[in-house]
Structures are given as structure tokens and as C-alpha cells.
């Protein structure tokens, strides 16, 4: 069975040998449409709960700046 990398490299080799512009444009549209579909993710119920909790934190001002996080991390690292 071919590995993912072998399949990908085989396809790249085949695409590089294609001279037909219309065919390549069609192939590009197919790949672009598939990429858009695969980038759409379905969240698990747990992920949705975490996002809702994050929104509540934002609404209620329970935030910490990047600078404060970095300071806290540095203090933690230095304590070890």
C-alpha cells in the first residue's frame, strides 16, 4: 500500500508533466473546492462548551494580557 507521501509525490510528478492549460485549470478548481470542504470542521460538544465559556470570560472581563502570561510563564520557569 502506498504511503501518503508516495501518493502525493506521484501526483506532483503527473501534474508537472501535464501541458494542457484547460485541464490544469479544471484540476485546480477541483482541488480548491475540496480544500474548502475539508477546512470546514465540525466542533465536538466539548469544544462548543469551551467556546461558550471563553465568550463568558470575555463578557465578564476575565482576561489576561499576553504580557502578563509571558511574565507568569517566565516566573514559573525560573522557579524550577
C-alpha atoms as a PDB file:
ATOM      1  CA  UNK A   1       0.000   0.000   0.000  1.00  0.00           C
ATOM      2  CA  UNK A   2       1.339   3.411  -0.976  1.00  0.00           C
ATOM      3  CA  UNK A   3       2.074   5.927   1.718  1.00  0.00           C
ATOM      4  CA  UNK A   4       0.520   9.362   1.724  1.00  0.00           C
ATOM      5  CA  UNK A   5       3.837  10.894   0.723  1.00  0.00           C
ATOM      6  CA  UNK A   6       4.259   8.451  -2.178  1.00  0.00           C
ATOM      7  CA  UNK A   7       0.784   9.265  -3.472  1.00  0.00           C
ATOM      8  CA  UNK A   8       1.391  12.998  -3.134  1.00  0.00           C
ATOM      9  CA  UNK A   9       4.756  12.805  -4.904  1.00  0.00           C
ATOM     10  CA  UNK A  10       3.274  10.664  -7.681  1.00  0.00           C
ATOM     11  CA  UNK A  11       0.523  13.202  -8.235  1.00  0.00           C
ATOM     12  CA  UNK A  12       3.020  16.058  -8.282  1.00  0.00           C
ATOM     13  CA  UNK A  13       5.087  14.255 -10.918  1.00  0.00           C
ATOM     14  CA  UNK A  14       1.999  13.667 -13.049  1.00  0.00           C
ATOM     15  CA  UNK A  15       0.815  17.274 -12.698  1.00  0.00           C
ATOM     16  CA  UNK A  16       4.238  18.581 -13.690  1.00  0.00           C
ATOM     17  CA  UNK A  17       4.035  16.620 -16.946  1.00  0.00           C
ATOM     18  CA  UNK A  18       0.599  17.996 -17.950  1.00  0.00           C
ATOM     19  CA  UNK A  19       0.754  20.591 -20.746  1.00  0.00           C
ATOM     20  CA  UNK A  20      -2.991  21.165 -21.217  1.00  0.00           C
ATOM     21  CA  UNK A  21      -3.876  24.527 -19.617  1.00  0.00           C
ATOM     22  CA  UNK A  22      -7.643  23.824 -19.538  1.00  0.00           C
ATOM     23  CA  UNK A  23      -7.058  20.515 -17.813  1.00  0.00           C
ATOM     24  CA  UNK A  24      -4.801  22.135 -15.207  1.00  0.00           C
ATOM     25  CA  UNK A  25      -7.341  24.916 -14.574  1.00  0.00           C
ATOM     26  CA  UNK A  26     -10.060  22.302 -14.079  1.00  0.00           C
ATOM     27  CA  UNK A  27      -7.836  20.316 -11.751  1.00  0.00           C
ATOM     28  CA  UNK A  28      -7.084  23.495  -9.803  1.00  0.00           C
ATOM     29  CA  UNK A  29     -10.808  24.167  -9.341  1.00  0.00           C
ATOM     30  CA  UNK A  30     -11.391  20.601  -8.140  1.00  0.00           C
ATOM     31  CA  UNK A  31      -8.541  20.788  -5.638  1.00  0.00           C
ATOM     32  CA  UNK A  32      -9.583  24.254  -4.438  1.00  0.00           C
ATOM     33  CA  UNK A  33     -13.169  23.149  -3.868  1.00  0.00           C
ATOM     34  CA  UNK A  34     -12.046  20.047  -1.999  1.00  0.00           C
ATOM     35  CA  UNK A  35      -9.701  22.115   0.186  1.00  0.00           C
ATOM     36  CA  UNK A  36     -12.563  24.415   1.172  1.00  0.00           C
ATOM     37  CA  UNK A  37     -14.743  21.462   2.140  1.00  0.00           C
ATOM     38  CA  UNK A  38     -12.009  19.771   4.147  1.00  0.00           C
ATOM     39  CA  UNK A  39     -11.238  23.001   6.012  1.00  0.00           C
ATOM     40  CA  UNK A  40     -14.780  23.117   7.387  1.00  0.00           C
ATOM     41  CA  UNK A  41     -14.632  21.391  10.754  1.00  0.00           C
ATOM     42  CA  UNK A  42     -17.408  20.192  12.983  1.00  0.00           C
ATOM     43  CA  UNK A  43     -16.918  21.019  16.625  1.00  0.00           C
ATOM     44  CA  UNK A  44     -17.477  18.450  19.324  1.00  0.00           C
ATOM     45  CA  UNK A  45     -19.947  19.278  22.102  1.00  0.00           C
ATOM     46  CA  UNK A  46     -16.984  19.753  24.438  1.00  0.00           C
ATOM     47  CA  UNK A  47     -15.365  22.255  22.067  1.00  0.00           C
ATOM     48  CA  UNK A  48     -18.626  24.194  21.825  1.00  0.00           C
ATOM     49  CA  UNK A  49     -18.833  24.339  25.631  1.00  0.00           C
ATOM     50  CA  UNK A  50     -15.256  25.613  25.838  1.00  0.00           C
ATOM     51  CA  UNK A  51     -16.011  28.348  23.287  1.00  0.00           C
ATOM     52  CA  UNK A  52     -19.114  29.377  25.228  1.00  0.00           C
ATOM     53  CA  UNK A  53     -17.055  29.520  28.418  1.00  0.00           C
ATOM     54  CA  UNK A  54     -14.466  31.671  26.637  1.00  0.00           C
ATOM     55  CA  UNK A  55     -17.159  34.064  25.456  1.00  0.00           C
ATOM     56  CA  UNK A  56     -18.454  34.343  29.022  1.00  0.00           C
ATOM     57  CA  UNK A  57     -14.921  35.127  30.234  1.00  0.00           C
ATOM     58  CA  UNK A  58     -14.620  37.885  27.635  1.00  0.00           C
ATOM     59  CA  UNK A  59     -18.026  39.361  28.514  1.00  0.00           C
ATOM     60  CA  UNK A  60     -17.204  39.306  32.236  1.00  0.00           C
ATOM     61  CA  UNK A  61     -13.730  40.782  31.786  1.00  0.00           C
ATOM     62  CA  UNK A  62     -11.887  37.675  32.940  1.00  0.00           C
ATOM     63  CA  UNK A  63      -8.932  38.294  30.668  1.00  0.00           C
ATOM     64  CA  UNK A  64      -5.165  38.343  30.994  1.00  0.00           C
ATOM     65  CA  UNK A  65      -2.790  40.124  28.652  1.00  0.00           C
ATOM     66  CA  UNK A  66      -0.150  38.340  26.609  1.00  0.00           C
ATOM     67  CA  UNK A  67       2.473  40.287  28.538  1.00  0.00           C
ATOM     68  CA  UNK A  68       1.099  39.049  31.870  1.00  0.00           C
ATOM     69  CA  UNK A  69       1.020  35.460  30.608  1.00  0.00           C
ATOM     70  CA  UNK A  70       4.637  35.700  29.461  1.00  0.00           C
ATOM     71  CA  UNK A  71       5.681  37.170  32.825  1.00  0.00           C
ATOM     72  CA  UNK A  72       3.842  34.394  34.686  1.00  0.00           C
ATOM     73  CA  UNK A  73       5.435  31.731  32.475  1.00  0.00           C
ATOM     74  CA  UNK A  74       8.894  33.203  32.978  1.00  0.00           C
ATOM     75  CA  UNK A  75       8.405  33.257  36.755  1.00  0.00           C
ATOM     76  CA  UNK A  76       7.246  29.651  36.656  1.00  0.00           C
ATOM     77  CA  UNK A  77      10.243  28.596  34.556  1.00  0.00           C
ATOM     78  CA  UNK A  78      12.677  30.404  36.856  1.00  0.00           C
ATOM     79  CA  UNK A  79      11.166  28.731  39.925  1.00  0.00           C
ATOM     80  CA  UNK A  80      12.034  25.270  38.587  1.00  0.00           C
END
